[in-house]
C-alpha atoms as a PDB file:
ATOM      1  CA  MET A   1       6.710 243.210 -74.012  1.00  0.00           C
ATOM      2  CA  THR A   2       6.884 240.639 -71.116  1.00  0.00           C
ATOM      3  CA  ASP A   3       9.612 238.671 -70.566  1.00  0.00           C
ATOM      4  CA  SER A   4       8.789 234.570 -71.109  1.00  0.00           C
ATOM      5  CA  GLY A   5      11.193 233.761 -67.722  1.00  0.00           C
ATOM      6  CA  ASP A   6       9.233 236.157 -65.478  1.00  0.00           C
ATOM      7  CA  THR A   7       7.443 234.119 -62.980  1.00  0.00           C
ATOM      8  CA  PRO A   8       3.373 234.248 -63.162  1.00  0.00           C
ATOM      9  CA  GLU A   9       2.038 235.902 -60.201  1.00  0.00           C
ATOM     10  CA  PRO A  10       0.467 233.284 -57.644  1.00  0.00           C
ATOM     11  CA  GLY A  11      -3.307 232.825 -57.818  1.00  0.00           C
ATOM     12  CA  PRO A  12      -5.686 232.436 -54.759  1.00  0.00           C
ATOM     13  CA  PRO A  13      -4.711 229.691 -52.250  1.00  0.00           C
ATOM     14  CA  GLU A  14      -6.721 226.342 -53.233  1.00  0.00           C
ATOM     15  CA  PRO A  15      -8.996 225.707 -50.460  1.00  0.00           C
ATOM     16  CA  GLY A  16      -7.591 222.660 -48.013  1.00  0.00           C
ATOM     17  CA  PRO A  17      -9.291 219.646 -46.801  1.00  0.00           C
ATOM     18  CA  PRO A  18     -12.406 220.337 -44.910  1.00  0.00           C
ATOM     19  CA  ALA A  19     -12.039 220.702 -41.285  1.00  0.00           C
ATOM     20  CA  PRO A  20     -12.777 217.031 -39.307  1.00  0.00           C
ATOM     21  CA  GLU A  21     -16.123 217.417 -37.652  1.00  0.00           C
ATOM     22  CA  ALA A  22     -15.794 217.618 -33.806  1.00  0.00           C
ATOM     23  CA  ALA A  23     -15.807 214.215 -32.475  1.00  0.00           C
ATOM     24  CA  GLU A  24     -19.288 212.758 -30.893  1.00  0.00           C
ATOM     25  CA  ARG A  25     -18.596 213.047 -26.818  1.00  0.00           C
ATOM     26  CA  GLU A  26     -18.079 209.702 -25.172  1.00  0.00           C
ATOM     27  CA  PRO A  27     -20.783 208.633 -22.534  1.00  0.00           C
ATOM     28  CA  GLU A  28     -19.607 208.931 -19.099  1.00  0.00           C
ATOM     29  CA  PRO A  29     -19.225 205.567 -17.449  1.00  0.00           C
ATOM     30  CA  ALA A  30     -22.335 204.295 -15.294  1.00  0.00           C
ATOM     31  CA  VAL A  31     -21.355 204.727 -11.681  1.00  0.00           C
ATOM     32  CA  PRO A  32     -21.944 201.242  -9.947  1.00  0.00           C
ATOM     33  CA  GLY A  33     -24.800 201.125  -7.496  1.00  0.00           C
ATOM     34  CA  PRO A  34     -24.455 199.333  -4.083  1.00  0.00           C
ATOM     35  CA  PRO A  35     -24.141 195.509  -4.579  1.00  0.00           C
ATOM     36  CA  GLU A  36     -27.165 193.539  -4.221  1.00  0.00           C
ATOM     37  CA  LEU A  37     -26.920 191.375  -0.830  1.00  0.00           C
ATOM     38  CA  PRO A  38     -27.717 187.755  -1.637  1.00  0.00           C
ATOM     39  CA  ASP A  39     -30.821 186.723   0.463  1.00  0.00           C
ATOM     40  CA  GLU A  40     -29.486 183.670   2.461  1.00  0.00           C
ATOM     41  CA  PRO A  41     -28.172 183.427   5.871  1.00  0.00           C
ATOM     42  CA  TYR A  42     -24.394 184.001   6.629  1.00  0.00           C
ATOM     43  CA  ARG A  43     -22.075 181.376   5.773  1.00  0.00           C
ATOM     44  CA  PRO A  44     -18.412 181.625   7.170  1.00  0.00           C
ATOM     45  CA  GLU A  45     -17.089 180.890   3.874  1.00  0.00           C
ATOM     46  CA  GLN A  46     -18.362 184.463   2.682  1.00  0.00           C
ATOM     47  CA  GLU A  47     -15.728 186.029   4.526  1.00  0.00           C
ATOM     48  CA  ALA A  48     -12.767 184.135   3.397  1.00  0.00           C
ATOM     49  CA  LEU A  49     -13.962 185.376  -0.182  1.00  0.00           C
ATOM     50  CA  GLY A  50     -13.844 188.658   1.299  1.00  0.00           C
ATOM     51  CA  LYS A  51     -17.776 189.062   1.000  1.00  0.00           C
ATOM     52  CA  ARG A  52     -19.978 191.027   3.306  1.00  0.00           C
ATOM     53  CA  LYS A  53     -21.105 189.319   6.155  1.00  0.00           C
ATOM     54  CA  VAL A  54     -24.856 188.972   5.884  1.00  0.00           C
ATOM     55  CA  PRO A  55     -26.982 188.085   9.380  1.00  0.00           C
ATOM     56  CA  GLY A  56     -29.477 185.290   8.585  1.00  0.00           C
ATOM     57  CA  GLY A  57     -32.264 184.282  10.684  1.00  0.00           C
ATOM     58  CA  HIS A  58     -31.430 181.512  13.334  1.00  0.00           C
ATOM     59  CA  ASN A  59     -33.826 178.905  11.452  1.00  0.00           C
ATOM     60  CA  GLY A  60     -32.539 180.131   7.976  1.00  0.00           C
ATOM     61  CA  LEU A  61     -35.991 182.013   7.522  1.00  0.00           C
ATOM     62  CA  GLY A  62     -34.678 185.368   7.779  1.00  0.00           C
ATOM     63  CA  LEU A  63     -37.778 186.830   9.774  1.00  0.00           C
ATOM     64  CA  TYR A  64     -35.753 187.745  12.649  1.00  0.00           C
ATOM     65  CA  PRO A  65     -32.003 187.927  11.618  1.00  0.00           C
ATOM     66  CA  LEU A  66     -29.159 187.426  13.988  1.00  0.00           C
ATOM     67  CA  ALA A  67     -27.288 190.113  15.435  1.00  0.00           C
ATOM     68  CA  ARG A  68     -23.730 189.194  14.779  1.00  0.00           C
ATOM     69  CA  ALA A  69     -20.575 190.702  16.159  1.00  0.00           C
ATOM     70  CA  GLY A  70     -19.138 193.613  14.094  1.00  0.00           C
ATOM     71  CA  PHE A  71     -22.490 195.003  12.992  1.00  0.00           C
ATOM     72  CA  ILE A  72     -24.312 197.773  14.958  1.00  0.00           C
ATOM     73  CA  GLU A  73     -27.270 195.729  15.846  1.00  0.00           C
ATOM     74  CA  TYR A  74     -24.856 193.361  18.161  1.00  0.00           C
ATOM     75  CA  ASP A  75     -23.181 196.662  19.206  1.00  0.00           C
ATOM     76  CA  ARG A  76     -26.146 198.083  20.379  1.00  0.00           C
ATOM     77  CA  VAL A  77     -26.954 195.638  22.316  1.00  0.00           C
ATOM     78  CA  VAL A  78     -23.791 195.542  24.158  1.00  0.00           C
ATOM     79  CA  PHE A  79     -23.457 199.522  24.652  1.00  0.00           C
ATOM     80  CA  PHE A  80     -26.907 199.318  26.031  1.00  0.00           C
ATOM     81  CA  SER A  81     -26.006 196.687  28.620  1.00  0.00           C
ATOM     82  CA  ASP A  82     -22.913 198.535  29.628  1.00  0.00           C
ATOM     83  CA  ALA A  83     -24.905 201.922  30.259  1.00  0.00           C
ATOM     84  CA  VAL A  84     -27.478 199.848  32.405  1.00  0.00           C
ATOM     85  CA  PHE A  85     -24.744 198.777  34.440  1.00  0.00           C
ATOM     86  CA  ALA A  86     -23.460 202.160  35.011  1.00  0.00           C
ATOM     87  CA  ILE A  87     -26.619 203.985  35.732  1.00  0.00           C
ATOM     88  CA  ALA A  88     -27.518 201.156  38.322  1.00  0.00           C
ATOM     89  CA  ILE A  89     -23.952 201.810  40.045  1.00  0.00           C
ATOM     90  CA  THR A  90     -24.518 205.678  39.845  1.00  0.00           C
ATOM     91  CA  LEU A  91     -27.976 205.526  41.301  1.00  0.00           C
ATOM     92  CA  LEU A  92     -26.172 203.616  44.612  1.00  0.00           C
ATOM     93  CA  ALA A  93     -24.543 206.680  45.340  1.00  0.00           C
ATOM     94  CA  ILE A  94     -27.293 209.156  44.628  1.00  0.00           C
ATOM     95  CA  ASP A  95     -29.189 207.623  47.625  1.00  0.00           C
ATOM     96  CA  LEU A  96     -26.294 208.338  50.445  1.00  0.00           C
ATOM     97  CA  ARG A  97     -27.690 211.413  52.281  1.00  0.00           C
ATOM     98  CA  ALA A  98     -25.650 212.570  55.517  1.00  0.00           C
ATOM     99  CA  ARG A  99     -28.086 212.886  58.676  1.00  0.00           C
ATOM    100  CA  VAL A 100     -28.075 215.614  61.504  1.00  0.00           C
ATOM    101  CA  GLY A 101     -28.191 214.627  64.703  1.00  0.00           C
ATOM    102  CA  THR A 102     -30.268 216.072  67.526  1.00  0.00           C
ATOM    103  CA  SER A 103     -27.290 218.045  68.696  1.00  0.00           C
ATOM    104  CA  GLY A 104     -27.105 219.542  65.425  1.00  0.00           C
ATOM    105  CA  VAL A 105     -24.065 217.598  64.613  1.00  0.00           C
ATOM    106  CA  VAL A 106     -23.597 216.115  60.857  1.00  0.00           C
ATOM    107  CA  MET A 107     -23.295 212.331  61.091  1.00  0.00           C
ATOM    108  CA  LEU A 108     -22.255 209.943  58.138  1.00  0.00           C
ATOM    109  CA  ASP A 109     -24.653 207.567  56.806  1.00  0.00           C
ATOM    110  CA  SER A 110     -22.600 204.457  57.880  1.00  0.00           C
ATOM    111  CA  HIS A 111     -25.489 202.008  56.930  1.00  0.00           C
ATOM    112  CA  GLY A 112     -25.911 203.893  53.400  1.00  0.00           C
ATOM    113  CA  ILE A 113     -22.417 203.750  53.007  1.00  0.00           C
ATOM    114  CA  LEU A 114     -22.221 199.699  53.698  1.00  0.00           C
ATOM    115  CA  GLY A 115     -25.022 199.171  51.583  1.00  0.00           C
ATOM    116  CA  PHE A 116     -23.327 201.236  48.755  1.00  0.00           C
ATOM    117  CA  TRP A 117     -20.319 199.099  48.725  1.00  0.00           C
ATOM    118  CA  ILE A 118     -22.086 195.862  48.928  1.00  0.00           C
ATOM    119  CA  SER A 119     -24.450 196.506  45.980  1.00  0.00           C
ATOM    120  CA  PHE A 120     -21.287 198.293  44.022  1.00  0.00           C
ATOM    121  CA  ALA A 121     -19.146 194.990  44.627  1.00  0.00           C
ATOM    122  CA  VAL A 122     -22.354 192.662  43.572  1.00  0.00           C
ATOM    123  CA  ILE A 123     -23.014 194.867  40.341  1.00  0.00           C
ATOM    124  CA  GLY A 124     -19.507 194.574  39.658  1.00  0.00           C
ATOM    125  CA  LEU A 125     -19.478 191.306  39.237  1.00  0.00           C
ATOM    126  CA  PHE A 126     -22.503 190.744  37.776  1.00  0.00           C
ATOM    127  CA  TRP A 127     -20.575 193.071  34.837  1.00  0.00           C
ATOM    128  CA  LEU A 128     -17.506 191.459  35.137  1.00  0.00           C
ATOM    129  CA  GLY A 129     -19.477 188.080  34.489  1.00  0.00           C
ATOM    130  CA  HIS A 130     -21.409 189.720  31.532  1.00  0.00           C
ATOM    131  CA  HIS A 131     -18.113 190.983  29.935  1.00  0.00           C
ATOM    132  CA  GLY A 132     -16.838 187.459  30.227  1.00  0.00           C
ATOM    133  CA  ILE A 133     -19.461 185.590  28.516  1.00  0.00           C
ATOM    134  CA  PHE A 134     -19.689 188.280  25.561  1.00  0.00           C
ATOM    135  CA  ARG A 135     -16.210 187.482  24.783  1.00  0.00           C
ATOM    136  CA  TYR A 136     -17.665 184.036  23.718  1.00  0.00           C
ATOM    137  CA  ILE A 137     -21.449 185.163  22.565  1.00  0.00           C
ATOM    138  CA  THR A 138     -20.884 186.209  18.950  1.00  0.00           C
ATOM    139  CA  ALA A 139     -24.192 186.287  17.761  1.00  0.00           C
ATOM    140  CA  LEU A 140     -27.683 187.557  19.022  1.00  0.00           C
ATOM    141  CA  ASP A 141     -31.329 186.050  18.415  1.00  0.00           C
ATOM    142  CA  ARG A 142     -34.323 187.760  19.631  1.00  0.00           C
ATOM    143  CA  PRO A 143     -35.063 185.240  22.700  1.00  0.00           C
ATOM    144  CA  LEU A 144     -31.348 185.884  23.701  1.00  0.00           C
ATOM    145  CA  ILE A 145     -31.606 190.120  23.641  1.00  0.00           C
ATOM    146  CA  GLY A 146     -35.322 189.218  25.579  1.00  0.00           C
ATOM    147  CA  LEU A 147     -33.212 187.163  28.319  1.00  0.00           C
ATOM    148  CA  ASN A 148     -30.538 189.927  28.536  1.00  0.00           C
ATOM    149  CA  LEU A 149     -33.126 192.343  28.695  1.00  0.00           C
ATOM    150  CA  LEU A 150     -34.509 190.691  31.925  1.00  0.00           C
ATOM    151  CA  MET A 151     -31.482 190.187  33.382  1.00  0.00           C
ATOM    152  CA  LEU A 152     -30.729 194.265  33.189  1.00  0.00           C
ATOM    153  CA  GLY A 153     -34.251 195.113  34.343  1.00  0.00           C
ATOM    154  CA  ILE A 154     -33.266 193.181  37.577  1.00  0.00           C
ATOM    155  CA  ILE A 155     -30.077 195.033  37.806  1.00  0.00           C
ATOM    156  CA  ALA A 156     -31.780 198.458  37.125  1.00  0.00           C
ATOM    157  CA  PHE A 157     -33.816 197.636  40.171  1.00  0.00           C
ATOM    158  CA  LEU A 158     -31.193 196.621  42.732  1.00  0.00           C
ATOM    159  CA  PRO A 159     -30.638 200.383  44.001  1.00  0.00           C
ATOM    160  CA  TYR A 160     -34.116 199.771  45.398  1.00  0.00           C
ATOM    161  CA  PRO A 161     -33.519 196.675  48.018  1.00  0.00           C
ATOM    162  CA  THR A 162     -29.977 198.257  48.444  1.00  0.00           C
ATOM    163  CA  ASN A 163     -31.933 201.533  49.848  1.00  0.00           C
ATOM    164  CA  VAL A 164     -34.232 199.213  51.780  1.00  0.00           C
ATOM    165  CA  LEU A 165     -31.293 197.261  53.324  1.00  0.00           C
ATOM    166  CA  SER A 166     -29.540 200.498  54.574  1.00  0.00           C
ATOM    167  CA  LEU A 167     -32.491 202.235  56.226  1.00  0.00           C
ATOM    168  CA  ALA A 168     -33.147 198.837  58.136  1.00  0.00           C
ATOM    169  CA  GLY A 169     -29.684 199.149  59.517  1.00  0.00           C
ATOM    170  CA  GLY A 170     -28.945 195.412  58.269  1.00  0.00           C
ATOM    171  CA  ASN A 171     -30.693 194.019  61.721  1.00  0.00           C
ATOM    172  CA  GLN A 172     -33.877 192.990  60.075  1.00  0.00           C
ATOM    173  CA  VAL A 173     -35.004 189.460  58.297  1.00  0.00           C
ATOM    174  CA  GLY A 174     -37.293 191.236  55.714  1.00  0.00           C
ATOM    175  CA  PRO A 175     -34.978 193.547  53.704  1.00  0.00           C
ATOM    176  CA  THR A 176     -32.237 191.013  54.221  1.00  0.00           C
ATOM    177  CA  VAL A 177     -34.286 188.477  52.658  1.00  0.00           C
ATOM    178  CA  PHE A 178     -35.661 190.927  49.892  1.00  0.00           C
ATOM    179  CA  TYR A 179     -32.248 191.964  49.113  1.00  0.00           C
ATOM    180  CA  ALA A 180     -31.007 188.358  48.986  1.00  0.00           C
ATOM    181  CA  LEU A 181     -33.785 187.116  46.537  1.00  0.00           C
ATOM    182  CA  CYS A 182     -33.413 190.256  44.097  1.00  0.00           C
ATOM    183  CA  VAL A 183     -29.595 189.643  43.806  1.00  0.00           C
ATOM    184  CA  ALA A 184     -30.397 185.688  43.127  1.00  0.00           C
ATOM    185  CA  ALA A 185     -32.686 186.454  40.566  1.00  0.00           C
ATOM    186  CA  ALA A 186     -30.062 188.517  38.750  1.00  0.00           C
ATOM    187  CA  GLY A 187     -27.481 185.839  38.843  1.00  0.00           C
ATOM    188  CA  THR A 188     -30.271 183.499  37.765  1.00  0.00           C
ATOM    189  CA  ALA A 189     -31.064 185.517  34.908  1.00  0.00           C
ATOM    190  CA  GLU A 190     -27.433 185.834  33.802  1.00  0.00           C
ATOM    191  CA  LEU A 191     -27.414 182.149  34.239  1.00  0.00           C
ATOM    192  CA  VAL A 192     -29.886 181.627  31.920  1.00  0.00           C
ATOM    193  CA  VAL A 193     -28.591 183.915  29.339  1.00  0.00           C
ATOM    194  CA  TRP A 194     -25.395 182.118  29.216  1.00  0.00           C
ATOM    195  CA  VAL A 195     -26.791 178.474  29.193  1.00  0.00           C
ATOM    196  CA  TYR A 196     -29.213 179.628  26.270  1.00  0.00           C
ATOM    197  CA  ALA A 197     -26.631 181.311  24.260  1.00  0.00           C
ATOM    198  CA  THR A 198     -24.224 178.135  24.720  1.00  0.00           C
ATOM    199  CA  SER A 199     -27.025 175.635  24.117  1.00  0.00           C
ATOM    200  CA  ARG A 200     -28.103 177.240  20.646  1.00  0.00           C
ATOM    201  CA  LYS A 201     -26.217 176.565  17.544  1.00  0.00           C
ATOM    202  CA  GLY A 202     -24.368 179.583  16.090  1.00  0.00           C
ATOM    203  CA  LEU A 203     -24.614 182.229  18.896  1.00  0.00           C
ATOM    204  CA  THR A 204     -21.140 181.280  20.309  1.00  0.00           C
ATOM    205  CA  ASP A 205     -17.530 181.166  19.119  1.00  0.00           C
ATOM    206  CA  PRO A 206     -16.284 177.449  18.741  1.00  0.00           C
ATOM    207  CA  SER A 207     -13.698 178.051  21.285  1.00  0.00           C
ATOM    208  CA  VAL A 208     -16.539 178.291  24.047  1.00  0.00           C
ATOM    209  CA  ALA A 209     -16.208 174.308  24.668  1.00  0.00           C
ATOM    210  CA  HIS A 210     -12.947 174.898  26.645  1.00  0.00           C
ATOM    211  CA  VAL A 211     -14.881 177.481  29.406  1.00  0.00           C
ATOM    212  CA  ARG A 212     -18.614 176.566  29.224  1.00  0.00           C
ATOM    213  CA  THR A 213     -18.386 174.872  32.469  1.00  0.00           C
ATOM    214  CA  LEU A 214     -15.804 177.352  34.340  1.00  0.00           C
ATOM    215  CA  LEU A 215     -18.205 180.283  33.466  1.00  0.00           C
ATOM    216  CA  THR A 216     -21.456 178.407  33.963  1.00  0.00           C
ATOM    217  CA  VAL A 217     -20.018 177.433  37.766  1.00  0.00           C
ATOM    218  CA  ARG A 218     -18.736 180.900  38.102  1.00  0.00           C
ATOM    219  CA  ILE A 219     -22.063 182.442  37.293  1.00  0.00           C
ATOM    220  CA  ALA A 220     -23.828 180.080  39.503  1.00  0.00           C
ATOM    221  CA  ARG A 221     -21.887 180.934  43.003  1.00  0.00           C
ATOM    222  CA  LEU A 222     -23.690 183.979  43.099  1.00  0.00           C
ATOM    223  CA  PRO A 223     -27.429 182.823  43.232  1.00  0.00           C
ATOM    224  CA  VAL A 224     -26.333 179.739  45.119  1.00  0.00           C
ATOM    225  CA  VAL A 225     -24.685 182.064  47.793  1.00  0.00           C
ATOM    226  CA  PHE A 226     -27.490 184.597  48.147  1.00  0.00           C
ATOM    227  CA  LEU A 227     -30.067 182.110  48.214  1.00  0.00           C
ATOM    228  CA  GLY A 228     -28.337 180.228  51.182  1.00  0.00           C
ATOM    229  CA  SER A 229     -28.031 182.728  53.052  1.00  0.00           C
ATOM    230  CA  ILE A 230     -31.727 183.492  53.103  1.00  0.00           C
ATOM    231  CA  PRO A 231     -32.267 180.581  55.661  1.00  0.00           C
ATOM    232  CA  VAL A 232     -29.326 182.042  57.809  1.00  0.00           C
ATOM    233  CA  ALA A 233     -31.336 185.593  57.580  1.00  0.00           C
ATOM    234  CA  LEU A 234     -34.038 184.069  59.380  1.00  0.00           C
ATOM    235  CA  ALA A 235     -32.037 183.323  62.640  1.00  0.00           C
ATOM    236  CA  SER A 236     -29.466 186.210  62.235  1.00  0.00           C
ATOM    237  CA  PRO A 237     -29.500 188.753  59.506  1.00  0.00           C
ATOM    238  CA  SER A 238     -26.113 190.172  60.189  1.00  0.00           C
ATOM    239  CA  ILE A 239     -24.463 187.109  59.890  1.00  0.00           C
ATOM    240  CA  ALA A 240     -26.467 186.056  56.672  1.00  0.00           C
ATOM    241  CA  GLN A 241     -24.864 189.616  55.312  1.00  0.00           C
ATOM    242  CA  TYR A 242     -21.387 188.522  56.291  1.00  0.00           C
ATOM    243  CA  SER A 243     -21.857 185.035  54.454  1.00  0.00           C
ATOM    244  CA  TRP A 244     -22.066 187.136  51.250  1.00  0.00           C
ATOM    245  CA  ILE A 245     -18.315 187.285  51.322  1.00  0.00           C
ATOM    246  CA  LEU A 246     -18.346 183.446  50.148  1.00  0.00           C
ATOM    247  CA  VAL A 247     -18.875 184.674  46.405  1.00  0.00           C
ATOM    248  CA  LEU A 248     -15.194 186.112  46.501  1.00  0.00           C
ATOM    249  CA  VAL A 249     -13.777 183.054  48.085  1.00  0.00           C
ATOM    250  CA  LEU A 250     -15.546 180.561  45.872  1.00  0.00           C
ATOM    251  CA  GLY A 251     -14.893 182.801  43.269  1.00  0.00           C
ATOM    252  CA  ILE A 252     -10.955 182.124  44.018  1.00  0.00           C
ATOM    253  CA  TRP A 253     -11.366 178.610  44.811  1.00  0.00           C
ATOM    254  CA  ILE A 254     -13.233 177.953  40.978  1.00  0.00           C
ATOM    255  CA  ASN A 255     -10.698 179.522  39.146  1.00  0.00           C
ATOM    256  CA  ARG A 256      -7.525 177.889  40.650  1.00  0.00           C
ATOM    257  CA  TYR A 257      -9.577 174.258  40.834  1.00  0.00           C
ATOM    258  CA  PHE A 258     -10.136 174.674  37.010  1.00  0.00           C
ATOM    259  CA  HIS A 259      -6.391 176.165  36.830  1.00  0.00           C
ATOM    260  CA  HIS A 260      -5.167 172.933  38.100  1.00  0.00           C
ATOM    261  CA  ARG A 261      -7.404 170.565  36.291  1.00  0.00           C
ATOM    262  CA  ALA A 262      -6.585 172.012  33.004  1.00  0.00           C
ATOM    263  CA  ARG A 263      -2.857 171.736  33.984  1.00  0.00           C
ATOM    264  CA  ARG A 264      -3.651 167.913  34.651  1.00  0.00           C
ATOM    265  CA  THR A 265      -5.652 167.137  31.675  1.00  0.00           C
ATOM    266  CA  PRO A 266      -3.345 166.023  28.746  1.00  0.00           C
ATOM    267  CA  ALA A 267      -3.666 168.346  25.432  1.00  0.00           C
ATOM    268  CA  GLY A 268      -5.694 166.921  22.620  1.00  0.00           C
END
């Protein structure tokens, strides 16, 4: 006989609620692609809004976009220019040769050394001028790049008239006139680059108005001095070569003149 107070044996466990189905996998967010650039010329206000500067054509057509400072197109022109100046100076030293006299004594090429230092100073002045104007040229169009390339071509050619002048010993009219013409051509080309850049809208920094005349006069003094030495060379080539020192003298005078002029001019 069973006891009525006994606890009944537990039966099998009741099945629990059904397991929740695996949550569906959320799709990964799409990776944004590169932003589309507007098909419009660069406007200064874009920089204030944090937008990327977009080169635009000089005439707004976009066919030949401007190469602006800060972009690789602009930097390539500047780096290429510096390389041409450096190579031209290097070629001046390559042309130096020691000579052996009739008695077997090694002789220095004094005329070659003199020609090297003359051309080193000339090319160095051209590089300083090029460096100075590109502080204010902030954009390049195709005509300006072409003019700059023309000037660099003449700079790269200068080692040849230097060698001719050195071989002549400084006492011949033809080599002296030829050298003066080549240097004057390079100076004229650099002057054309500067005048073109400052006469076209959007190629220079607004502050260029304060230095336009100063840099124009400084650049123009080289072709003026070397062209002026040609008539002198017809009478005395050596005196004509000494007259080239006027380039340095005029540079000092021009700097002092414009410095005093700026101090006398009232602000505003």
